Each structure stands twice: as C-alpha cells, then as structure tokens.
Protein backbone atom coordinates (compact mmCIF):
# COMPACT_ATOMS: atom_id res chain seq x y z
CA MET A 1 19.23 3.19 -18.89
CA LYS A 2 20.19 6.99 -19.42
CA LYS A 3 24.32 7.54 -19.41
CA THR A 4 26.36 11.10 -19.72
CA ALA A 5 27.77 11.51 -22.52
CA ASP A 6 31.26 12.21 -21.08
CA SER A 7 30.76 8.78 -17.97
CA ALA A 8 29.76 4.58 -17.81
CA GLN A 9 27.96 6.36 -15.06
CA PRO A 10 23.89 6.43 -14.92
CA VAL A 11 22.02 9.62 -14.62
CA LEU A 12 20.41 9.74 -10.85
CA LEU A 13 17.99 11.66 -9.85
CA SER A 14 18.44 14.34 -6.30
CA ILE A 15 15.54 13.34 -4.02
CA GLY A 16 14.02 17.50 -4.53
CA LYS A 17 13.41 15.61 -8.52
CA VAL A 18 12.06 12.41 -8.12
CA ALA A 19 9.52 14.47 -4.88
CA GLN A 20 8.54 16.57 -7.95
CA ARG A 21 8.66 14.93 -10.95
CA SER A 22 6.63 11.93 -8.62
CA GLY A 23 3.98 14.41 -7.01
CA VAL A 24 5.43 12.42 -4.07
CA ALA A 25 6.47 14.63 -0.91
CA THR A 26 10.11 14.03 -0.05
CA SER A 27 9.17 13.27 3.78
CA ALA A 28 7.90 10.25 1.88
CA LEU A 29 9.71 8.94 -0.04
CA ARG A 30 12.61 8.31 2.90
CA PHE A 31 9.80 6.63 4.32
CA TYR A 32 9.51 4.40 1.47
CA GLU A 33 13.41 4.01 1.59
CA THR A 34 13.21 3.38 5.45
CA LYS A 35 11.08 0.42 4.13
CA GLY A 36 12.33 -1.25 1.51
CA LEU A 37 10.18 0.44 -1.21
CA ILE A 38 13.46 2.03 -3.13
CA LYS A 39 16.26 2.48 -2.87
CA SER A 40 18.77 4.72 -3.34
CA VAL A 41 22.64 6.33 -3.24
CA ARG A 42 24.44 8.58 -1.64
CA ASN A 43 27.15 11.27 -3.13
CA ALA A 44 30.14 12.66 -1.09
CA GLY A 45 27.77 15.01 0.44
CA GLY A 46 26.00 12.70 2.35
CA GLN A 47 22.99 13.78 -0.40
CA ARG A 48 20.45 11.29 -1.56
CA LEU A 49 20.38 10.30 -4.67
CA TYR A 50 17.75 7.96 -6.87
CA ARG A 51 18.47 6.07 -10.74
CA ARG A 52 15.44 6.92 -12.86
CA ASP A 53 14.14 3.77 -12.62
CA GLU A 54 13.01 4.23 -8.71
CA LEU A 55 9.89 6.82 -10.09
CA ARG A 56 8.61 3.81 -11.39
CA ARG A 57 8.43 1.71 -8.35
CA VAL A 58 7.29 4.63 -6.43
CA ALA A 59 3.93 5.60 -9.58
CA ILE A 60 3.48 1.69 -8.45
CA ILE A 61 3.55 2.07 -4.94
CA LYS A 62 1.16 5.48 -5.13
CA ALA A 63 -0.51 3.88 -7.30
CA ALA A 64 -1.47 0.78 -4.65
CA GLN A 65 -1.72 3.09 -1.64
CA ARG A 66 -5.16 4.59 -3.94
CA LEU A 67 -6.12 0.42 -4.02
CA GLY A 68 -5.91 0.67 -0.46
CA ILE A 69 -2.78 -1.65 0.23
CA PRO A 70 -0.75 -2.19 2.65
CA LEU A 71 3.18 -1.07 2.38
CA THR A 72 3.63 -4.11 3.81
CA ASP A 73 2.18 -6.17 1.32
CA ILE A 74 3.62 -3.29 -1.73
CA ALA A 75 7.07 -4.53 0.12
CA ARG A 76 6.19 -7.58 -0.33
CA ALA A 77 5.59 -7.47 -4.05
CA LEU A 78 8.44 -5.10 -5.26
CA SER A 79 10.58 -7.37 -2.97
CA ALA A 80 10.33 -9.98 -5.47
CA LEU A 81 11.04 -8.38 -8.34
CA PRO A 82 15.14 -7.59 -10.02
CA ASP A 83 16.53 -4.62 -8.48
CA ASN A 84 18.13 -4.06 -11.17
CA ARG A 85 15.88 -3.19 -14.05
CA THR A 86 12.82 -1.06 -14.32
CA PRO A 87 9.53 -2.43 -13.15
CA THR A 88 7.92 -3.24 -16.66
CA ALA A 89 4.23 -3.19 -17.49
CA ALA A 90 4.14 -7.07 -17.27
CA ASP A 91 5.20 -6.50 -13.62
CA TRP A 92 2.27 -3.73 -12.82
CA ARG A 93 -0.16 -7.02 -14.17
CA LYS A 94 1.55 -9.74 -11.62
CA LEU A 95 1.27 -7.68 -8.74
CA SER A 96 -1.73 -6.17 -9.26
CA SER A 97 -3.84 -9.86 -10.40
CA ARG A 98 -2.55 -11.00 -6.94
CA TRP A 99 -4.64 -7.52 -5.49
CA GLN A 100 -7.23 -8.00 -6.79
CA GLN A 101 -8.49 -11.21 -4.84
CA GLN A 102 -8.44 -8.49 -2.17
CA LEU A 103 -9.54 -5.90 -3.65
CA ASN A 104 -13.13 -8.17 -4.63
CA GLU A 105 -13.06 -9.43 -0.77
CA ARG A 106 -13.15 -6.38 0.65
CA ILE A 107 -15.14 -5.36 -2.19
CA GLU A 108 -18.03 -7.93 -0.36
CA GLN A 109 -17.47 -6.79 2.58
CA LEU A 110 -18.23 -3.84 2.34
CA LEU A 111 -21.29 -4.78 0.41
CA LYS A 112 -22.09 -6.42 3.10
CA LEU A 113 -21.15 -3.48 5.47
CA ARG A 114 -23.69 -1.14 3.66
CA ASP A 115 -27.29 -3.21 3.60
CA ALA A 116 -26.49 -3.83 6.94
CA LEU A 117 -26.20 -0.37 8.06
CA ASP A 118 -30.22 -0.22 7.55
CA GLY A 119 -30.14 -2.94 10.66
CA CYS A 120 -28.57 0.20 12.59
CA ILE A 121 -31.29 2.68 12.37
CA GLY A 122 -32.22 3.44 16.01
CA CYS A 123 -29.91 1.08 17.30
CA GLY A 124 -27.02 3.50 17.98
CA CYS A 125 -25.26 0.60 19.68
CA LEU A 126 -26.55 -0.19 22.76
CA SER A 127 -27.60 -3.56 22.28
CA MET A 128 -25.00 -5.96 21.54
CA THR A 129 -26.95 -7.98 21.00
CA ALA A 130 -28.35 -7.25 18.46
CA CYS A 131 -26.18 -5.38 16.86
CA PRO A 132 -25.60 -6.94 13.16
CA LEU A 133 -22.67 -4.96 12.40
CA ARG A 134 -20.33 -6.43 15.63
CA ASN A 135 -22.23 -8.64 17.11
CA PRO A 136 -24.59 -10.36 14.56
CA GLY A 137 -26.86 -12.88 15.62
CA ASP A 138 -25.43 -12.90 19.57
CA GLU A 139 -22.18 -14.85 18.14
CA ALA A 140 -20.39 -13.85 20.90
CA ALA A 141 -22.90 -15.56 23.46
CA THR A 142 -21.65 -18.91 21.87
CA ALA A 143 -18.23 -18.07 23.05
CA GLY A 144 -19.76 -17.82 26.57
CA PRO A 145 -19.20 -14.81 29.30
CA GLY A 146 -17.59 -12.64 29.43
CA ALA A 147 -15.92 -9.54 27.57
CA ARG A 148 -14.74 -10.84 23.75
CA LEU A 149 -12.46 -8.91 21.43
CA PHE A 150 -13.96 -8.41 17.49
CA ASP A 151 -13.23 -8.17 14.02
CA ASN A 152 -13.10 -3.73 12.50
C-alpha cells in the first residue's frame, strides 16, 4: 500500500474521491458500507476515508452486480477474503467460478421462459390450468384445492 513520504500512514481517499474514481455514487458507497461490503475509517471531523484497496472491492461489487449476483451473495464472498489486503486476480477467479453455476442455471431458466412464451399468445393468463409459465401441466392441481403460491 502506498504511504505518504513523511509518515507511515497509508494514503486514504475521501468518499468523493472513491466515488469519482469508481464511478459509483457516494450514496451507493455508504450503502455498501452498511452492508459490510467495504470499510472506511473516520477522521476527526467524522468524514469517511477509504483505503485505496477499497476501489478494487467496489470494482468487484459492480462486476458481480452486473452479472445479477445478489448483494447478499457478494457480501458472503467478500467476507471470505482477508480484510487487510487487496483482492487479487486469483481472488476474482475463485469468486467468479462460484457464480458461474448460478449464471448457467439462470441462463437455462431464461431459455425455457423464452421458449414457453409462444404458448402464451392468446392465453392472456386467463387460464391458470393451461398457463405454461405459471402452472405448466396444471401442477398446482396436484396439491389439492385452494390458493397456491407460485415461484417467480
């Protein structure tokens, strides 16, 4: 970590500087901090200051979000990384390999959804017994009478 010439203290970045360099709004940075995704220290005036390596954590968070990974999964993955060092390319490979299976499953679900859309033409979701998306093969009927909770 880069240190200033006249002290042993690491260079810390203001929340505004982290926002500028990462392209992430300060409100999002504060939110990430409340969720334990990134960490800051406070100066005497109460201003948030971030270590430079938090920029890489923010980059990982944004990349994972773009893949559709929920923040809870991102937080769980980041919590497994050592807090005192910058996440490395090897760390990213480990994190991303865990998410690949989730992405493959979502892709498969989306392909099935896309292919089932043809069955909806003219349906208008007026028939819960015939809807290929919400109740394929009238699966809800096998659970007996009454209302059913469907997966989204």
